[in-house]
C-alpha atoms as a PDB file:
ATOM      1  CA  MET A   1     -54.068 160.572 233.229  1.00  0.00           C
ATOM      2  CA  ASN A   2     -57.390 161.552 234.919  1.00  0.00           C
ATOM      3  CA  LYS A   3     -58.255 163.717 231.912  1.00  0.00           C
ATOM      4  CA  ILE A   4     -57.510 160.858 229.522  1.00  0.00           C
ATOM      5  CA  PHE A   5     -59.632 158.481 231.647  1.00  0.00           C
ATOM      6  CA  VAL A   6     -62.574 160.889 231.603  1.00  0.00           C
ATOM      7  CA  LYS A   7     -62.328 161.237 227.806  1.00  0.00           C
ATOM      8  CA  MET A   8     -62.125 157.464 227.382  1.00  0.00           C
ATOM      9  CA  ALA A   9     -65.131 156.969 229.674  1.00  0.00           C
ATOM     10  CA  ALA A  10     -67.031 159.511 227.603  1.00  0.00           C
ATOM     11  CA  ALA A  11     -66.104 157.620 224.451  1.00  0.00           C
ATOM     12  CA  ALA A  12     -67.406 154.397 225.970  1.00  0.00           C
ATOM     13  CA  VAL A  13     -70.696 156.051 226.947  1.00  0.00           C
ATOM     14  CA  VAL A  14     -71.048 157.481 223.448  1.00  0.00           C
ATOM     15  CA  ALA A  15     -70.402 154.070 221.903  1.00  0.00           C
ATOM     16  CA  LEU A  16     -72.983 152.407 224.163  1.00  0.00           C
ATOM     17  CA  SER A  17     -75.658 155.051 223.650  1.00  0.00           C
ATOM     18  CA  PHE A  18     -75.054 155.117 219.908  1.00  0.00           C
ATOM     19  CA  GLY A  19     -75.315 151.367 219.756  1.00  0.00           C
ATOM     20  CA  ALA A  20     -78.666 151.540 221.572  1.00  0.00           C
ATOM     21  CA  THR A  21     -80.097 153.955 219.017  1.00  0.00           C
ATOM     22  CA  ALA A  22     -78.697 152.116 216.028  1.00  0.00           C
ATOM     23  CA  SER A  23     -79.417 148.543 217.056  1.00  0.00           C
ATOM     24  CA  ALA A  24     -80.477 147.603 213.544  1.00  0.00           C
ATOM     25  CA  ALA A  25     -76.902 147.952 212.305  1.00  0.00           C
ATOM     26  CA  GLN A  26     -74.496 145.044 212.500  1.00  0.00           C
ATOM     27  CA  PHE A  27     -71.536 147.365 213.169  1.00  0.00           C
ATOM     28  CA  ASN A  28     -71.646 150.646 215.111  1.00  0.00           C
ATOM     29  CA  PHE A  29     -68.428 152.675 214.814  1.00  0.00           C
ATOM     30  CA  THR A  30     -67.413 156.001 216.334  1.00  0.00           C
ATOM     31  CA  PHE A  31     -65.233 158.297 214.197  1.00  0.00           C
ATOM     32  CA  ALA A  32     -63.460 160.903 216.367  1.00  0.00           C
ATOM     33  CA  HIS A  33     -61.251 163.802 215.288  1.00  0.00           C
ATOM     34  CA  VAL A  34     -60.171 167.240 216.520  1.00  0.00           C
ATOM     35  CA  LEU A  35     -61.064 169.325 213.457  1.00  0.00           C
ATOM     36  CA  MET A  36     -63.731 172.026 213.384  1.00  0.00           C
ATOM     37  CA  GLU A  37     -66.841 171.060 211.448  1.00  0.00           C
ATOM     38  CA  ASP A  38     -66.350 173.621 208.669  1.00  0.00           C
ATOM     39  CA  THR A  39     -62.878 172.367 207.687  1.00  0.00           C
ATOM     40  CA  PRO A  40     -62.361 170.232 204.543  1.00  0.00           C
ATOM     41  CA  ASN A  41     -61.434 167.043 206.385  1.00  0.00           C
ATOM     42  CA  ALA A  42     -64.331 167.361 208.840  1.00  0.00           C
ATOM     43  CA  LYS A  43     -66.735 167.750 205.913  1.00  0.00           C
ATOM     44  CA  ALA A  44     -65.088 164.740 204.277  1.00  0.00           C
ATOM     45  CA  ALA A  45     -65.611 162.709 207.471  1.00  0.00           C
ATOM     46  CA  VAL A  46     -69.352 163.373 207.295  1.00  0.00           C
ATOM     47  CA  LYS A  47     -69.412 162.448 203.607  1.00  0.00           C
ATOM     48  CA  PHE A  48     -67.481 159.255 204.422  1.00  0.00           C
ATOM     49  CA  ALA A  49     -69.995 158.271 207.109  1.00  0.00           C
ATOM     50  CA  GLN A  50     -72.961 158.864 204.809  1.00  0.00           C
ATOM     51  CA  GLU A  51     -71.401 156.811 202.013  1.00  0.00           C
ATOM     52  CA  VAL A  52     -70.567 153.890 204.317  1.00  0.00           C
ATOM     53  CA  GLU A  53     -74.095 153.757 205.737  1.00  0.00           C
ATOM     54  CA  GLU A  54     -75.671 153.989 202.271  1.00  0.00           C
ATOM     55  CA  LYS A  55     -73.442 151.503 200.446  1.00  0.00           C
ATOM     56  CA  SER A  56     -73.471 149.008 203.329  1.00  0.00           C
ATOM     57  CA  GLY A  57     -77.280 149.016 203.237  1.00  0.00           C
ATOM     58  CA  GLY A  58     -77.356 150.198 206.839  1.00  0.00           C
ATOM     59  CA  ARG A  59     -75.187 147.345 208.083  1.00  0.00           C
ATOM     60  CA  ILE A  60     -72.564 149.883 209.279  1.00  0.00           C
ATOM     61  CA  LYS A  61     -73.447 153.035 211.210  1.00  0.00           C
ATOM     62  CA  ILE A  62     -70.803 155.736 211.761  1.00  0.00           C
ATOM     63  CA  ASN A  63     -71.106 158.274 214.573  1.00  0.00           C
ATOM     64  CA  VAL A  64     -68.811 161.221 213.737  1.00  0.00           C
ATOM     65  CA  ARG A  65     -67.550 163.148 216.780  1.00  0.00           C
ATOM     66  CA  PRO A  66     -65.669 166.279 215.573  1.00  0.00           C
ATOM     67  CA  ALA A  67     -63.919 169.219 217.269  1.00  0.00           C
ATOM     68  CA  ALA A  68     -62.083 167.237 219.978  1.00  0.00           C
ATOM     69  CA  GLN A  69     -65.342 166.179 221.652  1.00  0.00           C
ATOM     70  CA  LEU A  70     -63.615 162.965 222.759  1.00  0.00           C
ATOM     71  CA  GLY A  71     -60.177 164.480 223.389  1.00  0.00           C
ATOM     72  CA  GLY A  72     -57.069 165.591 221.534  1.00  0.00           C
ATOM     73  CA  ASP A  73     -55.167 163.616 218.927  1.00  0.00           C
ATOM     74  CA  VAL A  74     -53.107 161.627 221.447  1.00  0.00           C
ATOM     75  CA  GLU A  75     -56.226 160.678 223.398  1.00  0.00           C
ATOM     76  CA  ILE A  76     -58.064 159.688 220.216  1.00  0.00           C
ATOM     77  CA  ILE A  77     -55.172 157.476 219.127  1.00  0.00           C
ATOM     78  CA  GLU A  78     -55.199 155.766 222.531  1.00  0.00           C
ATOM     79  CA  GLN A  79     -58.974 155.303 222.332  1.00  0.00           C
ATOM     80  CA  VAL A  80     -58.665 153.781 218.848  1.00  0.00           C
ATOM     81  CA  GLN A  81     -56.030 151.373 220.175  1.00  0.00           C
ATOM     82  CA  MET A  82     -58.419 150.335 222.970  1.00  0.00           C
ATOM     83  CA  ASN A  83     -61.432 150.058 220.611  1.00  0.00           C
ATOM     84  CA  LEU A  84     -63.347 152.729 222.568  1.00  0.00           C
ATOM     85  CA  VAL A  85     -63.243 154.708 219.334  1.00  0.00           C
ATOM     86  CA  GLN A  86     -63.027 152.759 216.095  1.00  0.00           C
ATOM     87  CA  ILE A  87     -61.916 155.394 213.554  1.00  0.00           C
ATOM     88  CA  GLY A  88     -59.626 158.450 213.629  1.00  0.00           C
ATOM     89  CA  ILE A  89     -57.614 160.728 211.341  1.00  0.00           C
ATOM     90  CA  PRO A  90     -54.713 161.848 213.585  1.00  0.00           C
ATOM     91  CA  PRO A  91     -51.755 163.805 212.168  1.00  0.00           C
ATOM     92  CA  THR A  92     -48.781 161.722 211.082  1.00  0.00           C
ATOM     93  CA  ALA A  93     -46.569 163.883 213.303  1.00  0.00           C
ATOM     94  CA  THR A  94     -48.571 162.823 216.377  1.00  0.00           C
ATOM     95  CA  LEU A  95     -48.661 159.182 215.307  1.00  0.00           C
ATOM     96  CA  GLY A  96     -44.859 159.409 215.117  1.00  0.00           C
ATOM     97  CA  ASN A  97     -44.837 159.391 218.928  1.00  0.00           C
ATOM     98  CA  PHE A  98     -46.437 155.911 218.798  1.00  0.00           C
ATOM     99  CA  GLU A  99     -44.667 154.558 215.698  1.00  0.00           C
ATOM    100  CA  PRO A 100     -41.334 156.361 214.990  1.00  0.00           C
ATOM    101  CA  ARG A 101     -41.299 155.392 211.317  1.00  0.00           C
ATOM    102  CA  LEU A 102     -44.367 157.606 210.707  1.00  0.00           C
ATOM    103  CA  GLN A 103     -42.080 160.598 211.287  1.00  0.00           C
ATOM    104  CA  ILE A 104     -40.684 160.118 207.790  1.00  0.00           C
ATOM    105  CA  LEU A 105     -43.563 162.145 206.337  1.00  0.00           C
ATOM    106  CA  ASP A 106     -42.592 165.194 208.417  1.00  0.00           C
ATOM    107  CA  LEU A 107     -39.053 165.381 207.069  1.00  0.00           C
ATOM    108  CA  PRO A 108     -38.732 168.731 205.246  1.00  0.00           C
ATOM    109  CA  PHE A 109     -39.305 168.482 201.486  1.00  0.00           C
ATOM    110  CA  ILE A 110     -39.695 164.683 201.594  1.00  0.00           C
ATOM    111  CA  LEU A 111     -42.795 165.301 199.428  1.00  0.00           C
ATOM    112  CA  PRO A 112     -41.586 168.167 197.232  1.00  0.00           C
ATOM    113  CA  THR A 113     -44.756 168.749 195.163  1.00  0.00           C
ATOM    114  CA  TYR A 114     -48.486 168.078 195.294  1.00  0.00           C
ATOM    115  CA  ASP A 115     -48.254 165.476 192.516  1.00  0.00           C
ATOM    116  CA  THR A 116     -45.378 163.755 194.318  1.00  0.00           C
ATOM    117  CA  MET A 117     -47.417 163.711 197.524  1.00  0.00           C
ATOM    118  CA  VAL A 118     -50.276 161.935 195.752  1.00  0.00           C
ATOM    119  CA  GLN A 119     -47.903 159.486 194.055  1.00  0.00           C
ATOM    120  CA  VAL A 120     -46.092 158.584 197.298  1.00  0.00           C
ATOM    121  CA  LEU A 121     -48.977 158.537 199.783  1.00  0.00           C
ATOM    122  CA  ASP A 122     -51.449 156.749 197.504  1.00  0.00           C
ATOM    123  CA  GLY A 123     -48.883 154.284 196.173  1.00  0.00           C
ATOM    124  CA  ALA A 124     -46.775 151.369 197.372  1.00  0.00           C
ATOM    125  CA  ALA A 125     -44.543 153.573 199.556  1.00  0.00           C
ATOM    126  CA  GLY A 126     -47.574 154.962 201.374  1.00  0.00           C
ATOM    127  CA  ARG A 127     -48.914 151.460 201.929  1.00  0.00           C
ATOM    128  CA  GLN A 128     -45.571 150.426 203.408  1.00  0.00           C
ATOM    129  CA  ILE A 129     -45.700 153.373 205.827  1.00  0.00           C
ATOM    130  CA  LEU A 130     -49.282 152.586 206.873  1.00  0.00           C
ATOM    131  CA  ASP A 131     -48.370 148.952 207.520  1.00  0.00           C
ATOM    132  CA  THR A 132     -46.040 150.078 210.324  1.00  0.00           C
ATOM    133  CA  LEU A 133     -49.191 150.660 212.411  1.00  0.00           C
ATOM    134  CA  ASP A 134     -50.082 146.954 212.423  1.00  0.00           C
ATOM    135  CA  ASN A 135     -48.209 146.385 215.688  1.00  0.00           C
ATOM    136  CA  HIS A 136     -50.056 149.252 217.387  1.00  0.00           C
ATOM    137  CA  SER A 137     -53.605 147.819 217.269  1.00  0.00           C
ATOM    138  CA  MET A 138     -54.489 149.967 214.255  1.00  0.00           C
ATOM    139  CA  TYR A 139     -55.131 149.304 210.589  1.00  0.00           C
ATOM    140  CA  GLY A 140     -53.971 152.224 208.446  1.00  0.00           C
ATOM    141  CA  VAL A 141     -56.349 152.677 205.507  1.00  0.00           C
ATOM    142  CA  ASN A 142     -55.005 155.700 203.631  1.00  0.00           C
ATOM    143  CA  PHE A 143     -53.719 159.253 204.035  1.00  0.00           C
ATOM    144  CA  TRP A 144     -55.879 162.366 204.301  1.00  0.00           C
ATOM    145  CA  GLY A 145     -54.375 165.821 204.838  1.00  0.00           C
ATOM    146  CA  ALA A 146     -54.782 169.579 205.251  1.00  0.00           C
ATOM    147  CA  GLY A 147     -52.312 170.801 202.660  1.00  0.00           C
ATOM    148  CA  PHE A 148     -48.665 171.853 202.784  1.00  0.00           C
ATOM    149  CA  ARG A 149     -47.227 173.830 205.684  1.00  0.00           C
ATOM    150  CA  ASN A 150     -45.897 177.359 205.192  1.00  0.00           C
ATOM    151  CA  ILE A 151     -43.864 179.725 207.377  1.00  0.00           C
ATOM    152  CA  THR A 152     -45.067 182.993 208.907  1.00  0.00           C
ATOM    153  CA  ASN A 153     -43.113 185.339 211.184  1.00  0.00           C
ATOM    154  CA  ASN A 154     -42.750 188.895 212.461  1.00  0.00           C
ATOM    155  CA  THR A 155     -39.013 189.417 211.942  1.00  0.00           C
ATOM    156  CA  ARG A 156     -38.253 189.432 208.209  1.00  0.00           C
ATOM    157  CA  PRO A 157     -39.281 187.875 204.891  1.00  0.00           C
ATOM    158  CA  ILE A 158     -37.982 184.293 204.712  1.00  0.00           C
ATOM    159  CA  LYS A 159     -36.226 183.564 201.425  1.00  0.00           C
ATOM    160  CA  SER A 160     -33.576 181.129 202.686  1.00  0.00           C
ATOM    161  CA  THR A 161     -32.718 179.095 205.759  1.00  0.00           C
ATOM    162  CA  ALA A 162     -30.263 181.868 206.689  1.00  0.00           C
ATOM    163  CA  ASP A 163     -33.230 184.224 207.125  1.00  0.00           C
ATOM    164  CA  LEU A 164     -34.533 182.006 209.944  1.00  0.00           C
ATOM    165  CA  LYS A 165     -31.444 182.580 212.088  1.00  0.00           C
ATOM    166  CA  GLY A 166     -32.420 183.522 215.650  1.00  0.00           C
ATOM    167  CA  ILE A 167     -36.175 183.486 215.025  1.00  0.00           C
ATOM    168  CA  ARG A 168     -38.214 181.756 217.741  1.00  0.00           C
ATOM    169  CA  MET A 169     -40.470 179.378 215.817  1.00  0.00           C
ATOM    170  CA  ARG A 170     -43.450 177.636 217.368  1.00  0.00           C
ATOM    171  CA  VAL A 171     -43.537 173.952 216.395  1.00  0.00           C
ATOM    172  CA  MET A 172     -45.530 170.856 217.307  1.00  0.00           C
ATOM    173  CA  GLN A 173     -44.016 168.568 219.932  1.00  0.00           C
ATOM    174  CA  ALA A 174     -42.247 166.403 217.354  1.00  0.00           C
ATOM    175  CA  PRO A 175     -38.501 165.585 217.359  1.00  0.00           C
ATOM    176  CA  ILE A 176     -38.112 166.029 213.595  1.00  0.00           C
ATOM    177  CA  LEU A 177     -39.609 169.535 213.633  1.00  0.00           C
ATOM    178  CA  ILE A 178     -37.414 170.638 216.522  1.00  0.00           C
ATOM    179  CA  THR A 179     -34.320 169.263 214.777  1.00  0.00           C
ATOM    180  CA  GLN A 180     -35.383 170.831 211.480  1.00  0.00           C
ATOM    181  CA  TYR A 181     -35.630 174.372 212.777  1.00  0.00           C
ATOM    182  CA  LYS A 182     -32.420 174.054 214.771  1.00  0.00           C
ATOM    183  CA  ALA A 183     -30.668 172.933 211.584  1.00  0.00           C
ATOM    184  CA  TRP A 184     -32.155 175.930 209.787  1.00  0.00           C
ATOM    185  CA  GLY A 185     -30.748 178.291 212.457  1.00  0.00           C
ATOM    186  CA  ALA A 186     -34.034 179.091 214.189  1.00  0.00           C
ATOM    187  CA  GLN A 187     -34.970 178.609 217.846  1.00  0.00           C
ATOM    188  CA  PRO A 188     -37.807 176.037 217.887  1.00  0.00           C
ATOM    189  CA  THR A 189     -40.306 176.262 220.734  1.00  0.00           C
ATOM    190  CA  ALA A 190     -42.953 173.585 221.316  1.00  0.00           C
ATOM    191  CA  MET A 191     -46.333 175.115 222.093  1.00  0.00           C
ATOM    192  CA  ALA A 192     -49.939 173.895 222.110  1.00  0.00           C
ATOM    193  CA  PHE A 193     -51.830 174.846 218.957  1.00  0.00           C
ATOM    194  CA  THR A 194     -54.499 176.718 220.922  1.00  0.00           C
ATOM    195  CA  GLU A 195     -51.836 178.952 222.500  1.00  0.00           C
ATOM    196  CA  VAL A 196     -50.111 180.007 219.261  1.00  0.00           C
ATOM    197  CA  TYR A 197     -52.170 183.140 218.518  1.00  0.00           C
ATOM    198  CA  ASN A 198     -51.471 184.640 221.943  1.00  0.00           C
ATOM    199  CA  GLY A 199     -47.852 183.480 221.795  1.00  0.00           C
ATOM    200  CA  LEU A 200     -47.353 185.361 218.516  1.00  0.00           C
ATOM    201  CA  GLN A 201     -49.272 188.400 219.705  1.00  0.00           C
ATOM    202  CA  GLN A 202     -47.236 188.670 222.907  1.00  0.00           C
ATOM    203  CA  GLY A 203     -43.887 187.935 221.255  1.00  0.00           C
ATOM    204  CA  VAL A 204     -43.292 184.678 223.135  1.00  0.00           C
ATOM    205  CA  VAL A 205     -42.598 183.244 219.679  1.00  0.00           C
ATOM    206  CA  HIS A 206     -41.838 185.162 216.483  1.00  0.00           C
ATOM    207  CA  GLY A 207     -43.198 182.731 213.907  1.00  0.00           C
ATOM    208  CA  GLN A 208     -44.937 179.447 213.206  1.00  0.00           C
ATOM    209  CA  GLU A 209     -45.631 176.903 210.459  1.00  0.00           C
ATOM    210  CA  ASN A 210     -49.012 175.626 209.339  1.00  0.00           C
ATOM    211  CA  PRO A 211     -51.129 174.905 206.274  1.00  0.00           C
ATOM    212  CA  LEU A 212     -53.051 177.873 204.867  1.00  0.00           C
ATOM    213  CA  ALA A 213     -56.328 176.538 206.268  1.00  0.00           C
ATOM    214  CA  ASN A 214     -54.991 176.665 209.842  1.00  0.00           C
ATOM    215  CA  ILE A 215     -53.355 180.062 209.300  1.00  0.00           C
ATOM    216  CA  ALA A 216     -56.718 181.430 208.149  1.00  0.00           C
ATOM    217  CA  THR A 217     -58.944 179.639 210.673  1.00  0.00           C
ATOM    218  CA  MET A 218     -56.756 180.705 213.604  1.00  0.00           C
ATOM    219  CA  ARG A 219     -56.271 184.214 212.119  1.00  0.00           C
ATOM    220  CA  PHE A 220     -52.489 184.060 212.523  1.00  0.00           C
ATOM    221  CA  TYR A 221     -52.220 186.617 209.712  1.00  0.00           C
ATOM    222  CA  GLU A 222     -53.576 189.198 212.186  1.00  0.00           C
ATOM    223  CA  VAL A 223     -50.468 188.892 214.377  1.00  0.00           C
ATOM    224  CA  GLN A 224     -47.850 188.124 211.700  1.00  0.00           C
ATOM    225  CA  LYS A 225     -46.165 190.406 209.148  1.00  0.00           C
ATOM    226  CA  TYR A 226     -44.644 187.950 206.659  1.00  0.00           C
ATOM    227  CA  MET A 227     -45.604 184.634 205.102  1.00  0.00           C
ATOM    228  CA  THR A 228     -43.442 182.536 202.784  1.00  0.00           C
ATOM    229  CA  LEU A 229     -45.105 179.828 200.702  1.00  0.00           C
ATOM    230  CA  THR A 230     -42.435 177.241 201.434  1.00  0.00           C
ATOM    231  CA  ASN A 231     -44.715 174.181 201.097  1.00  0.00           C
ATOM    232  CA  HIS A 232     -41.954 172.350 202.951  1.00  0.00           C
ATOM    233  CA  ALA A 233     -44.027 169.548 204.518  1.00  0.00           C
ATOM    234  CA  TYR A 234     -47.404 167.979 203.873  1.00  0.00           C
ATOM    235  CA  HIS A 235     -49.685 168.203 206.894  1.00  0.00           C
ATOM    236  CA  GLY A 236     -50.876 164.631 206.593  1.00  0.00           C
ATOM    237  CA  TYR A 237     -53.462 162.652 208.528  1.00  0.00           C
ATOM    238  CA  ALA A 238     -53.509 158.853 208.620  1.00  0.00           C
ATOM    239  CA  ALA A 239     -56.998 157.351 208.462  1.00  0.00           C
ATOM    240  CA  VAL A 240     -56.869 154.551 211.033  1.00  0.00           C
ATOM    241  CA  VAL A 241     -59.309 151.901 212.249  1.00  0.00           C
ATOM    242  CA  ASN A 242     -59.011 149.798 215.376  1.00  0.00           C
ATOM    243  CA  LYS A 243     -57.515 146.514 214.195  1.00  0.00           C
ATOM    244  CA  ASP A 244     -60.054 144.247 215.928  1.00  0.00           C
ATOM    245  CA  ALA A 245     -62.937 146.348 214.600  1.00  0.00           C
ATOM    246  CA  TRP A 246     -61.472 146.191 211.097  1.00  0.00           C
ATOM    247  CA  ASN A 247     -60.957 142.429 211.249  1.00  0.00           C
ATOM    248  CA  SER A 248     -64.544 141.963 212.483  1.00  0.00           C
ATOM    249  CA  LEU A 249     -65.856 143.260 209.149  1.00  0.00           C
ATOM    250  CA  PRO A 250     -66.537 140.790 206.349  1.00  0.00           C
ATOM    251  CA  LYS A 251     -64.582 141.381 203.144  1.00  0.00           C
ATOM    252  CA  ASP A 252     -67.467 143.078 201.333  1.00  0.00           C
ATOM    253  CA  LEU A 253     -67.886 145.665 204.102  1.00  0.00           C
ATOM    254  CA  GLN A 254     -64.133 146.236 204.283  1.00  0.00           C
ATOM    255  CA  GLN A 255     -64.297 147.090 200.589  1.00  0.00           C
ATOM    256  CA  VAL A 256     -67.173 149.513 201.217  1.00  0.00           C
ATOM    257  CA  MET A 257     -65.077 151.209 203.898  1.00  0.00           C
ATOM    258  CA  ILE A 258     -61.965 151.391 201.710  1.00  0.00           C
ATOM    259  CA  GLU A 259     -63.867 152.982 198.836  1.00  0.00           C
ATOM    260  CA  ALA A 260     -65.517 155.497 201.166  1.00  0.00           C
ATOM    261  CA  PHE A 261     -62.174 156.313 202.804  1.00  0.00           C
ATOM    262  CA  ASN A 262     -60.641 156.933 199.367  1.00  0.00           C
ATOM    263  CA  ASN A 263     -63.570 159.112 198.305  1.00  0.00           C
ATOM    264  CA  GLY A 264     -63.357 161.048 201.567  1.00  0.00           C
ATOM    265  CA  ARG A 265     -59.617 161.585 201.048  1.00  0.00           C
ATOM    266  CA  ASP A 266     -60.142 162.866 197.511  1.00  0.00           C
ATOM    267  CA  TYR A 267     -63.021 165.120 198.582  1.00  0.00           C
ATOM    268  CA  ALA A 268     -60.916 166.647 201.383  1.00  0.00           C
ATOM    269  CA  ARG A 269     -58.043 167.288 198.968  1.00  0.00           C
ATOM    270  CA  GLN A 270     -60.392 168.942 196.475  1.00  0.00           C
ATOM    271  CA  LEU A 271     -61.910 171.199 199.147  1.00  0.00           C
ATOM    272  CA  THR A 272     -58.439 172.049 200.504  1.00  0.00           C
ATOM    273  CA  LEU A 273     -57.162 173.168 197.089  1.00  0.00           C
ATOM    274  CA  GLU A 274     -60.263 175.324 196.578  1.00  0.00           C
ATOM    275  CA  ASP A 275     -59.970 176.788 200.078  1.00  0.00           C
ATOM    276  CA  GLU A 276     -56.296 177.669 199.631  1.00  0.00           C
ATOM    277  CA  LYS A 277     -56.995 179.799 196.555  1.00  0.00           C
ATOM    278  CA  ASN A 278     -59.727 181.672 198.399  1.00  0.00           C
ATOM    279  CA  ILE A 279     -57.575 182.102 201.514  1.00  0.00           C
ATOM    280  CA  LEU A 280     -54.652 183.646 199.615  1.00  0.00           C
ATOM    281  CA  GLU A 281     -57.010 186.082 197.903  1.00  0.00           C
ATOM    282  CA  ARG A 282     -58.714 186.986 201.179  1.00  0.00           C
ATOM    283  CA  ILE A 283     -55.607 187.627 203.314  1.00  0.00           C
ATOM    284  CA  LYS A 284     -53.185 189.067 200.745  1.00  0.00           C
ATOM    285  CA  GLY A 285     -53.777 192.620 201.973  1.00  0.00           C
ATOM    286  CA  GLN A 286     -53.262 191.691 205.620  1.00  0.00           C
ATOM    287  CA  ILE A 287     -49.895 189.906 205.479  1.00  0.00           C
ATOM    288  CA  GLU A 288     -46.939 190.150 203.094  1.00  0.00           C
ATOM    289  CA  ILE A 289     -46.869 186.940 201.042  1.00  0.00           C
ATOM    290  CA  TYR A 290     -43.690 185.727 199.362  1.00  0.00           C
ATOM    291  CA  GLN A 291     -43.368 182.852 196.875  1.00  0.00           C
ATOM    292  CA  LEU A 292     -39.954 181.155 196.776  1.00  0.00           C
ATOM    293  CA  THR A 293     -38.200 181.140 193.412  1.00  0.00           C
ATOM    294  CA  ASP A 294     -37.118 177.778 192.014  1.00  0.00           C
ATOM    295  CA  ALA A 295     -33.504 178.516 192.993  1.00  0.00           C
ATOM    296  CA  GLU A 296     -34.481 179.521 196.542  1.00  0.00           C
ATOM    297  CA  ARG A 297     -36.597 176.418 196.968  1.00  0.00           C
ATOM    298  CA  LEU A 298     -33.770 174.205 195.701  1.00  0.00           C
ATOM    299  CA  ALA A 299     -31.436 175.791 198.272  1.00  0.00           C
ATOM    300  CA  PHE A 300     -33.985 175.030 201.029  1.00  0.00           C
ATOM    301  CA  VAL A 301     -34.108 171.409 199.874  1.00  0.00           C
ATOM    302  CA  ARG A 302     -30.306 171.118 199.877  1.00  0.00           C
ATOM    303  CA  ASP A 303     -30.177 172.554 203.391  1.00  0.00           C
ATOM    304  CA  SER A 304     -32.674 169.907 204.514  1.00  0.00           C
ATOM    305  CA  LEU A 305     -31.097 166.676 203.271  1.00  0.00           C
ATOM    306  CA  ALA A 306     -28.816 166.471 206.312  1.00  0.00           C
ATOM    307  CA  ILE A 307     -31.979 166.240 208.452  1.00  0.00           C
ATOM    308  CA  HIS A 308     -33.108 163.249 206.379  1.00  0.00           C
ATOM    309  CA  LYS A 309     -29.747 161.617 207.066  1.00  0.00           C
ATOM    310  CA  GLU A 310     -29.928 162.381 210.787  1.00  0.00           C
ATOM    311  CA  PHE A 311     -33.269 160.554 211.111  1.00  0.00           C
ATOM    312  CA  GLU A 312     -32.328 157.674 208.824  1.00  0.00           C
ATOM    313  CA  LYS A 313     -31.998 155.168 211.668  1.00  0.00           C
ATOM    314  CA  VAL A 314     -35.249 156.324 213.279  1.00  0.00           C
ATOM    315  CA  VAL A 315     -37.379 155.906 210.148  1.00  0.00           C
ATOM    316  CA  THR A 316     -35.141 153.040 208.940  1.00  0.00           C
ATOM    317  CA  PRO A 317     -32.750 153.268 205.969  1.00  0.00           C
ATOM    318  CA  GLN A 318     -34.944 150.942 203.893  1.00  0.00           C
ATOM    319  CA  LEU A 319     -38.093 153.064 204.288  1.00  0.00           C
ATOM    320  CA  LEU A 320     -36.188 156.308 203.650  1.00  0.00           C
ATOM    321  CA  LYS A 321     -34.701 154.816 200.482  1.00  0.00           C
ATOM    322  CA  THR A 322     -38.158 153.678 199.342  1.00  0.00           C
ATOM    323  CA  VAL A 323     -39.727 157.107 199.847  1.00  0.00           C
ATOM    324  CA  HIS A 324     -36.759 158.939 198.300  1.00  0.00           C
ATOM    325  CA  ALA A 325     -37.070 156.733 195.225  1.00  0.00           C
ATOM    326  CA  ALA A 326     -40.836 157.207 194.989  1.00  0.00           C
ATOM    327  CA  ALA A 327     -40.461 160.981 195.395  1.00  0.00           C
ATOM    328  CA  GLY A 328     -37.553 161.227 192.943  1.00  0.00           C
ATOM    329  CA  ILE A 329     -35.151 162.556 195.577  1.00  0.00           C
ATOM    330  CA  LYS A 330     -31.440 161.932 195.099  1.00  0.00           C
ATOM    331  CA  PRO A 331     -29.619 162.580 198.412  1.00  0.00           C
END
């Protein structure tokens, strides 16, 4: 709690000092996230801030604070709720600890393809998911993301859920992910992201799941033998704004923000797709890469539907039915 208080105090100081240097603006917002500055979404955050300031005619100023300068994702969410920070892009998996229905996006293969992801997240189903944040002092604007997660490990090539049997898999502290890997026969182990490289190197865990960008940035391929391009879950971020801050904006400035958020989302997706091609080319000689066949992928999906059913009451039957329909999934 002391650590969280210190981070929140720092956020308040930043907000006050920023407001002093940008007194000409009507609205001074802080945008905090944990991503390194050279990642697609961090670059998109800067582009977003520039567009908002330009198209608002200087009426809105955005102070972007990257690389966990104001704390981790949980701390940033709490600061957004308290209006110490106005904008964040936390992972949906982390937001699921605040609003259980957000966990629906971390169900395995709930978004089976890139095109389906765009259709669901940018459509009516995505809007319905974002609206669940209304009771948590946040307005959900849209979904950003870092690409689909893939599996790496040191035991064997993964071509089916049976191949995961007995493998100790590092996962985020999220109930759905722990349940998922148990259902797949693995031994899930929650571990902080910053500890994963050493955990893999020392054999504390045998494998992990992450988008290609994280696998490359954290150099997991140096301490892993096999990677399977499962694309089993989209590593999504929800772009959120403190609700009071959002409601303080007149309609024309809300529209400026929405357009900039959408452009930032699209820019991050474009950069991510470009990065993934380069990453695969760069690391292909350092880790064995396997692409699931259509039949193998279908088997993975079938082995995952029971997990959807298990979390039906958590994410609500209505929302699960809506997303299944939008994604073309027939349980």
